[in-house]
N, C-alpha and C. Protein backbone atom coordinates (compact mmCIF):
# COMPACT_ATOMS: atom_id res chain seq x y z
N LYS A 1 -205.03 -4.83 -93.98
CA LYS A 1 -204.79 -3.66 -93.15
C LYS A 1 -203.89 -4.54 -91.96
N LYS A 2 -202.81 -5.08 -91.63
CA LYS A 2 -202.79 -5.71 -90.87
C LYS A 2 -203.63 -6.35 -89.42
N GLU A 3 -203.67 -4.55 -89.15
CA GLU A 3 -204.37 -5.00 -87.56
C GLU A 3 -206.22 -5.24 -87.93
N LYS A 4 -206.30 -5.50 -89.02
CA LYS A 4 -207.25 -6.14 -89.61
C LYS A 4 -207.42 -7.74 -89.89
N MET A 5 -206.19 -8.37 -90.00
CA MET A 5 -205.39 -10.03 -90.28
C MET A 5 -205.68 -10.48 -88.74
N SER A 6 -205.69 -11.87 -89.38
CA SER A 6 -205.64 -12.58 -87.89
C SER A 6 -203.87 -12.32 -86.94
N GLU A 7 -204.06 -12.64 -86.02
CA GLU A 7 -202.67 -13.29 -85.64
C GLU A 7 -201.78 -14.57 -85.32
N LEU A 8 -201.34 -14.71 -85.56
CA LEU A 8 -200.54 -15.84 -84.59
C LEU A 8 -199.64 -15.47 -83.59
N ARG A 9 -199.66 -15.77 -82.10
CA ARG A 9 -198.44 -16.01 -81.69
C ARG A 9 -197.91 -16.87 -80.85
N PHE A 10 -196.19 -16.81 -80.99
CA PHE A 10 -196.23 -18.46 -80.96
C PHE A 10 -195.07 -18.17 -80.53
N SER A 11 -193.82 -19.54 -79.67
CA SER A 11 -192.77 -19.06 -79.44
C SER A 11 -192.32 -20.13 -79.77
N LEU A 12 -191.02 -19.52 -80.15
CA LEU A 12 -189.39 -20.40 -80.94
C LEU A 12 -188.63 -20.27 -79.68
N THR A 13 -188.06 -21.50 -79.83
CA THR A 13 -186.87 -22.33 -79.28
C THR A 13 -185.51 -22.55 -79.77
N VAL A 14 -184.94 -21.75 -80.05
CA VAL A 14 -183.49 -22.73 -80.85
C VAL A 14 -182.85 -23.23 -79.17
N VAL A 15 -182.36 -24.85 -79.74
CA VAL A 15 -182.04 -25.62 -78.94
C VAL A 15 -180.94 -25.63 -78.92
N ALA A 16 -179.92 -25.98 -80.43
CA ALA A 16 -179.22 -26.20 -80.64
C ALA A 16 -178.66 -26.72 -82.26
N ALA A 17 -177.57 -26.41 -82.84
CA ALA A 17 -176.64 -26.66 -84.06
C ALA A 17 -175.99 -27.71 -83.71
N SER A 18 -175.84 -28.30 -85.38
CA SER A 18 -174.70 -29.29 -85.11
C SER A 18 -174.11 -29.17 -86.66
N ASN A 19 -173.13 -29.93 -87.01
CA ASN A 19 -172.05 -29.39 -87.87
C ASN A 19 -172.18 -27.77 -88.23
N CYS A 20 -171.53 -27.39 -87.29
CA CYS A 20 -171.53 -25.70 -88.07
C CYS A 20 -169.90 -25.53 -88.71
N PRO A 21 -169.88 -24.74 -89.41
CA PRO A 21 -169.53 -24.49 -90.24
C PRO A 21 -167.47 -23.54 -89.01
N SER A 22 -166.53 -24.11 -89.32
CA SER A 22 -165.44 -23.71 -88.48
C SER A 22 -165.38 -22.08 -88.90
N ALA A 23 -164.46 -20.96 -87.87
CA ALA A 23 -164.61 -20.30 -88.21
C ALA A 23 -163.48 -19.49 -87.85
N ASP A 24 -163.33 -20.19 -86.74
CA ASP A 24 -161.80 -19.50 -86.35
C ASP A 24 -160.04 -20.49 -85.79
N ALA A 25 -159.44 -20.06 -85.92
CA ALA A 25 -158.23 -20.39 -85.61
C ALA A 25 -158.38 -21.80 -85.42
N ASN A 26 -158.85 -22.38 -84.76
CA ASN A 26 -158.78 -23.53 -83.31
C ASN A 26 -159.69 -24.80 -84.48
N GLY A 27 -159.93 -24.08 -85.38
CA GLY A 27 -160.86 -25.31 -86.23
C GLY A 27 -162.01 -25.44 -85.50
N LYS A 28 -162.60 -24.22 -84.27
CA LYS A 28 -164.13 -24.40 -84.51
C LYS A 28 -164.48 -22.94 -84.86
N SER A 29 -165.53 -22.69 -83.59
CA SER A 29 -166.54 -21.10 -84.11
C SER A 29 -167.31 -21.33 -82.38
N ASP A 30 -167.50 -19.98 -82.25
CA ASP A 30 -168.39 -19.04 -81.35
C ASP A 30 -169.81 -18.83 -82.13
N PRO A 31 -170.31 -20.42 -81.78
CA PRO A 31 -171.88 -19.39 -82.48
C PRO A 31 -172.57 -19.04 -81.77
N TYR A 32 -173.77 -18.21 -82.48
CA TYR A 32 -175.37 -17.33 -81.62
C TYR A 32 -175.56 -17.79 -82.97
N VAL A 33 -177.15 -17.24 -82.97
CA VAL A 33 -178.16 -17.35 -83.87
C VAL A 33 -178.80 -15.88 -83.67
N ILE A 34 -179.18 -15.10 -84.52
CA ILE A 34 -179.51 -14.16 -84.90
C ILE A 34 -181.68 -14.70 -85.49
N VAL A 35 -182.92 -14.42 -84.63
CA VAL A 35 -183.53 -14.57 -85.15
C VAL A 35 -184.68 -13.63 -85.52
N LYS A 36 -184.86 -13.58 -86.83
CA LYS A 36 -185.84 -12.28 -87.55
C LYS A 36 -187.04 -13.01 -87.92
N LEU A 37 -188.27 -12.28 -88.26
CA LEU A 37 -189.46 -12.08 -88.35
C LEU A 37 -190.22 -10.63 -88.99
N GLY A 38 -189.96 -10.47 -89.55
CA GLY A 38 -190.21 -8.75 -89.78
C GLY A 38 -189.36 -8.57 -89.10
N ASN A 39 -190.17 -7.09 -88.80
CA ASN A 39 -189.40 -6.27 -88.09
C ASN A 39 -188.81 -6.62 -86.23
N GLN A 40 -189.23 -7.66 -86.04
CA GLN A 40 -188.93 -8.82 -84.90
C GLN A 40 -187.79 -9.29 -85.13
N GLN A 41 -186.43 -8.96 -83.90
CA GLN A 41 -185.72 -9.72 -83.77
C GLN A 41 -184.56 -10.46 -82.70
N HIS A 42 -184.37 -11.07 -82.42
CA HIS A 42 -183.60 -11.60 -81.24
C HIS A 42 -182.56 -12.51 -81.41
N LYS A 43 -181.76 -12.45 -80.24
CA LYS A 43 -180.65 -13.35 -80.32
C LYS A 43 -179.96 -14.40 -79.59
N THR A 44 -179.73 -15.25 -79.79
CA THR A 44 -178.93 -16.15 -78.58
C THR A 44 -178.07 -16.23 -77.78
N ASP A 45 -178.00 -16.28 -76.77
CA ASP A 45 -175.97 -16.60 -75.93
C ASP A 45 -175.51 -16.59 -77.12
N ILE A 46 -174.20 -17.08 -77.24
CA ILE A 46 -172.70 -17.10 -77.49
C ILE A 46 -172.67 -18.28 -77.08
N VAL A 47 -172.14 -19.61 -77.54
CA VAL A 47 -171.73 -20.63 -77.18
C VAL A 47 -170.20 -20.78 -77.86
N LYS A 48 -169.10 -20.67 -76.69
CA LYS A 48 -167.64 -20.34 -77.50
C LYS A 48 -167.41 -21.73 -77.63
N GLY A 49 -166.47 -21.43 -78.71
CA GLY A 49 -165.86 -23.30 -78.48
C GLY A 49 -166.37 -24.22 -79.06
N THR A 50 -166.60 -24.34 -80.19
CA THR A 50 -167.81 -25.44 -80.66
C THR A 50 -168.65 -25.77 -82.20
N LEU A 51 -168.67 -27.02 -82.82
CA LEU A 51 -169.68 -27.08 -83.27
C LEU A 51 -170.60 -27.96 -83.32
N ASP A 52 -170.98 -27.68 -82.19
CA ASP A 52 -172.23 -28.44 -81.97
C ASP A 52 -172.86 -28.02 -80.65
N PRO A 53 -173.05 -26.29 -80.71
CA PRO A 53 -173.56 -26.04 -80.05
C PRO A 53 -174.98 -25.69 -79.14
N LYS A 54 -175.40 -25.61 -77.78
CA LYS A 54 -176.69 -26.29 -77.38
C LYS A 54 -176.69 -25.16 -76.54
N TRP A 55 -178.50 -24.07 -76.86
CA TRP A 55 -178.81 -23.30 -75.66
C TRP A 55 -179.27 -23.24 -74.56
N LYS A 56 -179.39 -22.58 -73.62
CA LYS A 56 -179.96 -23.09 -72.73
C LYS A 56 -181.13 -21.80 -72.79
N THR A 57 -180.90 -20.90 -72.95
CA THR A 57 -182.00 -20.16 -72.35
C THR A 57 -182.43 -18.75 -73.95
N SER A 58 -183.31 -19.55 -74.77
CA SER A 58 -183.73 -19.11 -76.29
C SER A 58 -184.98 -19.06 -76.51
N THR A 59 -185.97 -19.47 -75.55
CA THR A 59 -187.06 -18.87 -76.14
C THR A 59 -187.50 -17.62 -76.54
N PHE A 60 -187.87 -17.48 -77.43
CA PHE A 60 -188.44 -16.04 -77.86
C PHE A 60 -189.98 -16.49 -78.46
N ASN A 61 -190.68 -14.95 -78.33
CA ASN A 61 -192.04 -14.93 -78.05
C ASN A 61 -192.24 -14.26 -79.68
N LEU A 62 -192.98 -14.88 -80.37
CA LEU A 62 -193.40 -13.86 -82.01
C LEU A 62 -194.25 -13.97 -82.37
N THR A 63 -194.89 -12.66 -83.56
CA THR A 63 -195.82 -12.46 -83.93
C THR A 63 -196.50 -12.91 -85.05
N SER A 64 -196.71 -13.07 -85.74
CA SER A 64 -196.45 -13.63 -87.94
C SER A 64 -198.18 -13.60 -87.95
N TYR A 65 -198.26 -12.18 -88.79
CA TYR A 65 -200.01 -11.67 -88.92
C TYR A 65 -199.92 -11.90 -90.66
N SER A 66 -199.02 -12.94 -91.47
CA SER A 66 -199.28 -13.87 -92.78
C SER A 66 -199.08 -15.36 -92.91
N PRO A 67 -199.74 -16.22 -93.17
CA PRO A 67 -199.08 -17.29 -93.71
C PRO A 67 -198.12 -17.73 -93.90
N SER A 68 -198.19 -16.46 -94.71
CA SER A 68 -196.70 -16.30 -96.44
C SER A 68 -195.42 -15.89 -95.30
N ASP A 69 -195.64 -15.68 -94.14
CA ASP A 69 -194.40 -14.83 -93.55
C ASP A 69 -193.48 -16.07 -93.34
N SER A 70 -192.12 -15.62 -92.42
CA SER A 70 -191.05 -16.95 -92.64
C SER A 70 -190.26 -16.21 -91.95
N VAL A 71 -189.66 -16.74 -90.61
CA VAL A 71 -189.15 -16.34 -89.68
C VAL A 71 -187.30 -17.36 -90.28
N GLU A 72 -186.53 -16.03 -90.29
CA GLU A 72 -185.12 -16.80 -90.54
C GLU A 72 -184.79 -16.87 -89.09
N LEU A 73 -183.32 -17.74 -89.26
CA LEU A 73 -182.45 -18.34 -88.23
C LEU A 73 -180.81 -18.19 -88.96
N ILE A 74 -180.33 -17.25 -88.55
CA ILE A 74 -178.91 -16.98 -89.21
C ILE A 74 -177.91 -17.83 -87.86
N LEU A 75 -177.51 -18.35 -88.31
CA LEU A 75 -176.00 -18.71 -87.87
C LEU A 75 -174.96 -17.33 -87.55
N PHE A 76 -174.67 -17.28 -86.60
CA PHE A 76 -173.01 -16.82 -87.08
C PHE A 76 -171.98 -16.94 -85.90
N ASP A 77 -170.90 -16.91 -86.38
CA ASP A 77 -169.56 -16.93 -85.20
C ASP A 77 -169.11 -15.38 -84.32
N TRP A 78 -169.43 -15.68 -83.32
CA TRP A 78 -168.62 -14.42 -82.34
C TRP A 78 -167.34 -14.02 -82.88
N ASP A 79 -167.08 -12.20 -83.21
CA ASP A 79 -165.60 -12.63 -83.06
C ASP A 79 -164.93 -11.02 -82.18
N LYS A 80 -164.75 -11.89 -81.03
CA LYS A 80 -163.96 -10.59 -79.99
C LYS A 80 -163.69 -9.06 -80.67
N SER A 81 -163.20 -9.46 -81.47
CA SER A 81 -162.20 -8.04 -82.47
C SER A 81 -163.52 -6.92 -82.87
N GLY A 82 -165.09 -7.68 -83.40
CA GLY A 82 -165.67 -7.35 -84.01
C GLY A 82 -165.72 -8.21 -85.16
N GLY A 83 -167.02 -7.35 -86.14
CA GLY A 83 -167.16 -8.20 -87.28
C GLY A 83 -167.22 -9.73 -87.73
N ASP A 84 -168.54 -10.52 -86.58
CA ASP A 84 -168.87 -11.22 -86.62
C ASP A 84 -169.44 -11.69 -87.93
N ASP A 85 -168.50 -13.73 -88.38
CA ASP A 85 -169.17 -13.67 -89.78
C ASP A 85 -170.50 -14.57 -89.52
N GLU A 86 -170.95 -13.99 -90.67
CA GLU A 86 -172.10 -15.30 -90.98
C GLU A 86 -171.82 -16.90 -91.48
N LEU A 87 -172.38 -17.74 -90.96
CA LEU A 87 -172.08 -19.52 -90.76
C LEU A 87 -173.43 -19.56 -92.07
N ALA A 88 -174.43 -19.01 -91.41
CA ALA A 88 -175.05 -20.37 -92.66
C ALA A 88 -176.87 -19.62 -92.25
N ARG A 89 -177.50 -20.49 -92.28
CA ARG A 89 -178.78 -19.41 -92.45
C ARG A 89 -180.36 -20.40 -93.12
N ALA A 90 -181.20 -20.73 -92.25
CA ALA A 90 -182.39 -21.74 -92.68
C ALA A 90 -183.83 -20.78 -92.33
N HIS A 91 -185.15 -21.59 -92.52
CA HIS A 91 -186.00 -20.82 -92.70
C HIS A 91 -186.89 -21.71 -92.24
N PHE A 92 -187.95 -20.33 -91.17
CA PHE A 92 -189.04 -21.52 -90.06
C PHE A 92 -190.64 -21.14 -91.17
N SER A 93 -191.50 -21.53 -91.82
CA SER A 93 -192.85 -21.30 -91.79
C SER A 93 -193.90 -21.48 -90.45
N PRO A 94 -194.07 -19.92 -89.94
CA PRO A 94 -195.37 -20.20 -88.99
C PRO A 94 -196.37 -21.07 -88.86
N GLY A 95 -196.76 -20.54 -90.24
CA GLY A 95 -198.15 -21.06 -90.57
C GLY A 95 -198.04 -22.68 -90.52
N ARG A 96 -196.50 -23.74 -90.54
CA ARG A 96 -197.13 -24.69 -90.19
C ARG A 96 -197.77 -24.63 -88.57
N LEU A 97 -197.68 -24.13 -87.59
CA LEU A 97 -198.43 -24.52 -86.55
C LEU A 97 -200.06 -24.18 -86.50
N MET A 98 -200.69 -23.60 -87.79
CA MET A 98 -201.89 -24.16 -87.69
C MET A 98 -202.39 -25.01 -87.76
N GLN A 99 -201.26 -26.22 -88.45
CA GLN A 99 -201.75 -28.00 -88.73
C GLN A 99 -201.60 -28.36 -87.27
N GLN A 100 -200.05 -28.07 -86.79
CA GLN A 100 -199.51 -29.15 -85.81
C GLN A 100 -199.34 -27.87 -84.36
N PRO A 101 -200.21 -27.45 -83.69
CA PRO A 101 -199.96 -26.76 -82.81
C PRO A 101 -198.55 -26.85 -81.60
N THR A 102 -198.28 -27.92 -82.12
CA THR A 102 -196.45 -27.53 -81.42
C THR A 102 -195.64 -28.61 -82.21
N LEU A 103 -193.88 -28.33 -82.45
CA LEU A 103 -193.09 -28.53 -83.10
C LEU A 103 -192.02 -28.82 -82.81
N ASP A 104 -191.42 -29.97 -83.08
CA ASP A 104 -189.57 -30.58 -82.81
C ASP A 104 -189.21 -30.80 -83.83
N ASP A 105 -188.27 -30.25 -84.69
CA ASP A 105 -187.79 -30.21 -85.36
C ASP A 105 -186.01 -30.12 -86.05
N TRP A 106 -185.33 -30.03 -86.66
CA TRP A 106 -184.22 -30.52 -87.00
C TRP A 106 -184.58 -29.31 -88.23
N LEU A 107 -184.19 -28.69 -88.39
CA LEU A 107 -183.88 -27.99 -90.49
C LEU A 107 -182.60 -28.03 -90.62
N GLU A 108 -182.07 -27.97 -92.29
CA GLU A 108 -181.55 -27.99 -92.50
C GLU A 108 -181.20 -26.44 -92.56
N MET A 109 -179.83 -26.56 -92.46
CA MET A 109 -179.00 -24.63 -92.81
C MET A 109 -178.15 -24.74 -94.38
N THR A 110 -178.78 -23.62 -95.15
CA THR A 110 -177.73 -23.36 -95.85
C THR A 110 -176.48 -22.18 -95.23
N VAL A 111 -175.59 -22.64 -95.69
CA VAL A 111 -174.14 -22.82 -95.37
C VAL A 111 -173.41 -21.37 -96.17
N THR A 112 -173.82 -20.20 -95.68
CA THR A 112 -173.30 -18.87 -96.13
C THR A 112 -171.91 -18.54 -96.40
N LYS A 113 -171.23 -18.62 -95.38
CA LYS A 113 -170.05 -18.54 -95.56
C LYS A 113 -168.82 -18.93 -96.34
N LYS A 114 -168.29 -17.35 -97.04
CA LYS A 114 -167.24 -18.43 -97.82
C LYS A 114 -166.25 -18.80 -97.61
N GLY A 115 -165.48 -19.97 -98.20
CA GLY A 115 -164.53 -20.79 -97.59
C GLY A 115 -164.29 -21.28 -95.83
N ALA A 116 -165.70 -21.79 -96.61
CA ALA A 116 -166.19 -22.36 -94.66
C ALA A 116 -165.48 -23.74 -94.82
N GLY A 117 -164.72 -23.48 -93.45
CA GLY A 117 -163.68 -24.78 -93.77
C GLY A 117 -162.15 -24.60 -93.50
N LYS A 118 -161.94 -23.79 -94.55
CA LYS A 118 -160.52 -23.28 -95.24
C LYS A 118 -159.88 -22.45 -94.00
N ILE A 119 -159.25 -23.00 -93.26
CA ILE A 119 -158.32 -22.03 -92.47
C ILE A 119 -157.35 -22.17 -92.17
N SER A 120 -155.76 -21.47 -92.38
CA SER A 120 -154.64 -22.03 -92.62
C SER A 120 -153.93 -22.22 -92.04
N GLY A 121 -152.96 -23.52 -92.23
CA GLY A 121 -151.98 -24.16 -90.99
C GLY A 121 -153.18 -25.10 -90.02
N ILE A 122 -154.55 -24.74 -90.07
CA ILE A 122 -155.30 -25.73 -89.07
C ILE A 122 -156.33 -26.70 -89.71
N MET A 123 -156.33 -27.77 -88.83
CA MET A 123 -157.34 -28.96 -89.91
C MET A 123 -158.96 -28.24 -89.46
N SER A 124 -159.89 -27.80 -90.31
CA SER A 124 -160.52 -27.83 -89.78
C SER A 124 -161.68 -29.41 -88.66
N LYS A 125 -162.67 -29.20 -88.25
CA LYS A 125 -162.98 -29.62 -87.86
C LYS A 125 -164.71 -30.16 -88.21
N TRP A 126 -165.15 -29.43 -89.22
CA TRP A 126 -166.54 -29.13 -89.61
C TRP A 126 -166.28 -29.81 -90.95
N ASP A 127 -167.39 -31.04 -91.25
CA ASP A 127 -167.05 -31.40 -92.22
C ASP A 127 -168.65 -31.00 -93.31
N PRO A 128 -167.66 -30.68 -94.46
CA PRO A 128 -168.50 -29.56 -95.31
C PRO A 128 -169.37 -31.35 -96.00
N LYS A 129 -169.71 -32.47 -95.89
CA LYS A 129 -170.52 -33.42 -96.66
C LYS A 129 -171.50 -33.74 -95.67
N THR A 130 -171.66 -33.08 -94.24
CA THR A 130 -172.20 -33.31 -93.50
C THR A 130 -173.34 -31.95 -93.68
N PRO A 131 -174.52 -32.11 -93.87
CA PRO A 131 -175.61 -31.10 -93.76
C PRO A 131 -175.62 -30.38 -92.05
N THR A 132 -175.81 -28.81 -92.25
CA THR A 132 -175.35 -28.31 -90.80
C THR A 132 -176.79 -28.12 -90.89
N ARG A 133 -177.06 -28.24 -89.68
CA ARG A 133 -178.71 -28.21 -88.95
C ARG A 133 -178.91 -27.53 -87.71
N ILE A 134 -180.08 -27.29 -87.72
CA ILE A 134 -180.81 -26.26 -86.35
C ILE A 134 -182.03 -26.84 -85.51
N HIS A 135 -181.62 -27.15 -84.43
CA HIS A 135 -183.26 -28.01 -83.78
C HIS A 135 -183.70 -26.95 -83.35
N ILE A 136 -185.21 -26.86 -83.79
CA ILE A 136 -185.72 -25.82 -83.40
C ILE A 136 -187.28 -26.07 -81.90
N ARG A 137 -187.92 -25.47 -81.62
CA ARG A 137 -189.13 -25.91 -81.05
C ARG A 137 -189.91 -24.59 -80.89
N ALA A 138 -191.25 -24.88 -81.45
CA ALA A 138 -192.09 -23.76 -81.44
C ALA A 138 -193.68 -24.24 -81.20
N SER A 139 -194.29 -23.11 -81.03
CA SER A 139 -195.36 -23.35 -79.53
C SER A 139 -196.72 -22.34 -80.19
N ASN A 140 -197.84 -23.34 -80.91
CA ASN A 140 -198.97 -22.05 -80.99
C ASN A 140 -198.91 -21.44 -79.72
N SER A 141 -199.06 -19.75 -79.57
CA SER A 141 -199.27 -19.28 -77.77
C SER A 141 -200.93 -18.61 -78.02
N ASN A 142 -201.65 -18.62 -79.43
CA ASN A 142 -202.57 -18.76 -79.14
C ASN A 142 -203.78 -18.94 -78.30
N PRO A 143 -204.41 -18.05 -77.67
CA PRO A 143 -205.14 -18.69 -76.72
C PRO A 143 -206.97 -19.34 -78.01
N PRO A 144 -207.08 -20.94 -77.15
CA PRO A 144 -208.74 -21.00 -77.83
C PRO A 144 -209.31 -20.22 -77.84
N PRO A 145 -210.24 -20.48 -78.64
CA PRO A 145 -211.58 -19.68 -79.30
C PRO A 145 -212.61 -19.86 -77.78
N GLN A 146 -213.38 -18.35 -77.31
CA GLN A 146 -213.67 -18.49 -76.63
C GLN A 146 -215.35 -18.98 -76.97
N TYR A 147 -216.24 -19.45 -76.90
CA TYR A 147 -217.39 -20.32 -76.75
C TYR A 147 -218.46 -19.14 -76.41
N GLY A 148 -219.29 -18.36 -77.30
CA GLY A 148 -220.22 -17.39 -77.20
C GLY A 148 -219.80 -16.38 -76.78
N GLY A 149 -218.52 -16.20 -77.19
CA GLY A 149 -217.97 -14.31 -77.42
C GLY A 149 -217.45 -14.25 -76.30
N GLY A 150 -217.75 -15.00 -75.09
CA GLY A 150 -217.16 -14.51 -73.93
C GLY A 150 -218.68 -13.64 -73.08
N TYR A 151 -219.62 -14.34 -73.49
CA TYR A 151 -221.00 -13.50 -73.20
C TYR A 151 -221.52 -15.17 -71.78
N PRO A 152 -221.81 -14.96 -71.04
CA PRO A 152 -222.39 -16.63 -70.59
C PRO A 152 -223.76 -16.59 -70.82
N PRO A 153 -224.13 -17.57 -70.51
CA PRO A 153 -226.39 -17.81 -70.88
C PRO A 153 -226.55 -16.96 -69.91
N GLN A 154 -227.60 -16.15 -70.31
CA GLN A 154 -227.91 -15.24 -69.46
C GLN A 154 -227.88 -14.05 -69.09
N GLN A 155 -226.37 -14.03 -69.26
CA GLN A 155 -225.32 -12.52 -68.50
C GLN A 155 -226.26 -11.38 -68.29
N GLY A 156 -226.74 -11.36 -67.14
CA GLY A 156 -227.39 -10.04 -67.10
C GLY A 156 -228.98 -10.22 -67.29
N TYR A 157 -229.53 -10.85 -67.48
CA TYR A 157 -230.78 -11.45 -67.87
C TYR A 157 -230.94 -12.15 -66.73
N PRO A 158 -231.21 -12.15 -65.26
CA PRO A 158 -231.97 -13.41 -64.47
C PRO A 158 -233.43 -13.11 -64.82
N PRO A 159 -233.62 -14.40 -64.31
CA PRO A 159 -235.00 -14.55 -65.29
C PRO A 159 -235.98 -13.85 -64.14
N GLN A 160 -237.07 -13.16 -64.66
CA GLN A 160 -237.88 -11.90 -63.69
C GLN A 160 -237.15 -11.00 -63.85
N GLN A 161 -235.64 -11.13 -63.62
CA GLN A 161 -235.16 -9.48 -63.01
C GLN A 161 -236.20 -8.08 -63.73
N GLY A 162 -236.01 -7.75 -62.33
CA GLY A 162 -237.28 -6.30 -62.36
C GLY A 162 -238.72 -6.16 -62.66
N PHE A 163 -239.07 -7.88 -62.50
CA PHE A 163 -240.54 -8.22 -62.92
C PHE A 163 -240.87 -9.12 -61.27
N PRO A 164 -240.22 -8.54 -59.56
CA PRO A 164 -240.51 -9.80 -59.04
C PRO A 164 -241.87 -9.95 -58.42
N PRO A 165 -242.25 -10.57 -58.40
CA PRO A 165 -244.10 -10.86 -57.93
C PRO A 165 -244.91 -9.81 -56.71
N GLN A 166 -245.63 -9.16 -57.88
CA GLN A 166 -246.38 -8.11 -56.44
C GLN A 166 -246.01 -7.04 -56.71
N GLN A 167 -244.98 -6.60 -57.82
CA GLN A 167 -244.26 -5.28 -57.99
C GLN A 167 -244.94 -4.10 -57.77
N GLY A 168 -245.34 -3.63 -57.47
CA GLY A 168 -245.96 -2.43 -57.24
C GLY A 168 -247.32 -1.72 -55.99
N LEU A 169 -246.94 -3.06 -55.19
CA LEU A 169 -248.44 -3.03 -53.91
C LEU A 169 -246.69 -2.31 -52.92
N GLY A 170 -247.88 -0.99 -52.25
CA GLY A 170 -247.36 -0.27 -51.67
C GLY A 170 -247.28 0.85 -52.83
N TYR A 171 -247.12 1.43 -54.13
CA TYR A 171 -248.30 2.63 -55.18
C TYR A 171 -249.01 2.55 -54.26
N PRO A 172 -249.28 4.42 -54.81
CA PRO A 172 -250.63 4.33 -54.45
C PRO A 172 -251.89 3.50 -55.29
N PRO A 173 -252.99 3.31 -54.87
CA PRO A 173 -253.96 2.42 -56.40
C PRO A 173 -254.29 3.90 -56.79
N GLN A 174 -254.51 3.07 -58.70
CA GLN A 174 -255.50 3.67 -59.63
C GLN A 174 -254.65 4.94 -59.77
N GLN A 175 -253.16 4.99 -59.96
CA GLN A 175 -252.65 6.80 -60.33
C GLN A 175 -253.48 7.09 -61.63
N GLY A 176 -254.01 7.29 -61.35
CA GLY A 176 -254.76 8.63 -62.18
C GLY A 176 -255.42 7.51 -63.50
N PHE A 177 -255.46 5.86 -62.77
CA PHE A 177 -256.30 5.56 -63.52
C PHE A 177 -257.48 5.07 -63.08
N PRO A 178 -258.78 5.53 -63.99
CA PRO A 178 -260.17 4.88 -63.22
C PRO A 178 -260.09 3.21 -62.90
N PRO A 179 -260.92 3.36 -62.23
CA PRO A 179 -260.87 1.44 -62.00
C PRO A 179 -261.59 1.19 -63.31
N GLN A 180 -261.28 -0.46 -63.55
CA GLN A 180 -261.79 -1.31 -64.38
C GLN A 180 -261.85 -0.52 -66.05
N GLN A 181 -260.78 0.22 -66.49
CA GLN A 181 -260.54 0.55 -68.04
C GLN A 181 -261.05 -0.01 -68.75
N GLY A 182 -262.18 0.25 -68.77
CA GLY A 182 -263.24 -0.78 -69.74
C GLY A 182 -262.52 -2.16 -69.94
N TYR A 183 -262.38 -2.19 -68.82
CA TYR A 183 -262.30 -4.05 -68.41
C TYR A 183 -263.24 -4.84 -67.50
N ALA A 184 -264.00 -5.52 -67.54
CA ALA A 184 -264.76 -6.03 -67.22
C ALA A 184 -264.55 -6.28 -65.42
N PRO A 185 -264.50 -6.39 -64.09
CA PRO A 185 -264.46 -7.16 -63.58
C PRO A 185 -264.22 -8.48 -62.76
N GLN A 186 -264.67 -8.94 -63.85
CA GLN A 186 -264.28 -10.66 -63.47
C GLN A 186 -263.52 -11.37 -63.23
N GLY A 187 -263.08 -12.23 -62.38
CA GLY A 187 -262.22 -12.84 -62.09
C GLY A 187 -260.77 -11.78 -60.80
N TYR A 188 -261.18 -10.80 -60.77
CA TYR A 188 -260.80 -9.99 -59.82
C TYR A 188 -261.61 -9.86 -58.79
N PRO A 189 -261.22 -10.16 -57.66
CA PRO A 189 -261.20 -9.76 -56.39
C PRO A 189 -262.06 -8.32 -56.36
N GLN A 190 -263.52 -8.14 -55.25
CA GLN A 190 -264.05 -7.32 -55.94
C GLN A 190 -263.11 -6.62 -54.32
N GLN A 191 -262.18 -5.65 -54.78
CA GLN A 191 -261.60 -5.03 -53.32
C GLN A 191 -262.09 -3.18 -53.19
N GLY A 192 -262.74 -3.01 -54.24
CA GLY A 192 -262.76 -1.31 -54.49
C GLY A 192 -261.89 -0.67 -55.59
N HIS A 193 -260.71 -1.70 -56.19
CA HIS A 193 -259.89 -1.23 -56.64
C HIS A 193 -259.38 -2.28 -57.60
N PRO A 194 -258.72 -2.71 -59.17
CA PRO A 194 -258.53 -3.79 -59.52
C PRO A 194 -257.04 -3.97 -58.97
N GLN A 195 -256.47 -5.19 -59.31
CA GLN A 195 -254.83 -5.56 -58.70
C GLN A 195 -254.28 -4.25 -60.14
N GLN A 196 -252.78 -4.42 -60.41
CA GLN A 196 -252.27 -3.70 -61.31
C GLN A 196 -251.82 -4.49 -62.29
N GLY A 197 -252.32 -5.50 -62.52
CA GLY A 197 -251.49 -6.64 -63.78
C GLY A 197 -251.05 -7.37 -63.52
N TYR A 198 -250.42 -7.48 -62.43
CA TYR A 198 -248.60 -8.53 -62.38
C TYR A 198 -249.77 -9.24 -60.73
N PRO A 199 -250.45 -10.03 -60.90
CA PRO A 199 -251.25 -10.40 -59.99
C PRO A 199 -250.24 -11.91 -59.43
N PRO A 200 -250.26 -12.15 -57.97
CA PRO A 200 -249.28 -13.35 -57.06
C PRO A 200 -248.72 -14.29 -58.20
């Protein structure tokens, strides 16, 4: 069950992309990226009129529940009339962050747009011979292990807690117990009654 599995919490930043397929009549695109992991989904801002977008506010917090999880990075071209075109896809394995807590990497994307770069009457600025790539940064957000499970040494157990020297002075002597209870009085001062077991 997922709730019993260890979780990997991490942040993922979509920094930039290069050589995006062109989808608009001007030979460019208006790219944005959808980040998906299971039922978690995030979206970057739209950068208009470029094949080499750079995103400013695109850091997302995600949680992975299995080493086999894969983050999908789906590159789209925004269209003001709706029906945004998917341009390319890449995948990122969060399990990499178990060996390397921070990553800064360019991932090669698989172009998924049909007829990418073939725009009637316009020379596309996209180079199909050059890979489309996406630049990401990722960081493991899991806190470091807590030594001792969060219980500091001797918490709740100060030395001699509850047993200060001479505790019991002030209580009536011999509380129902006859003096010497079978023990010879040797070693104890003869005060008419014995000490109560906790000498100073």
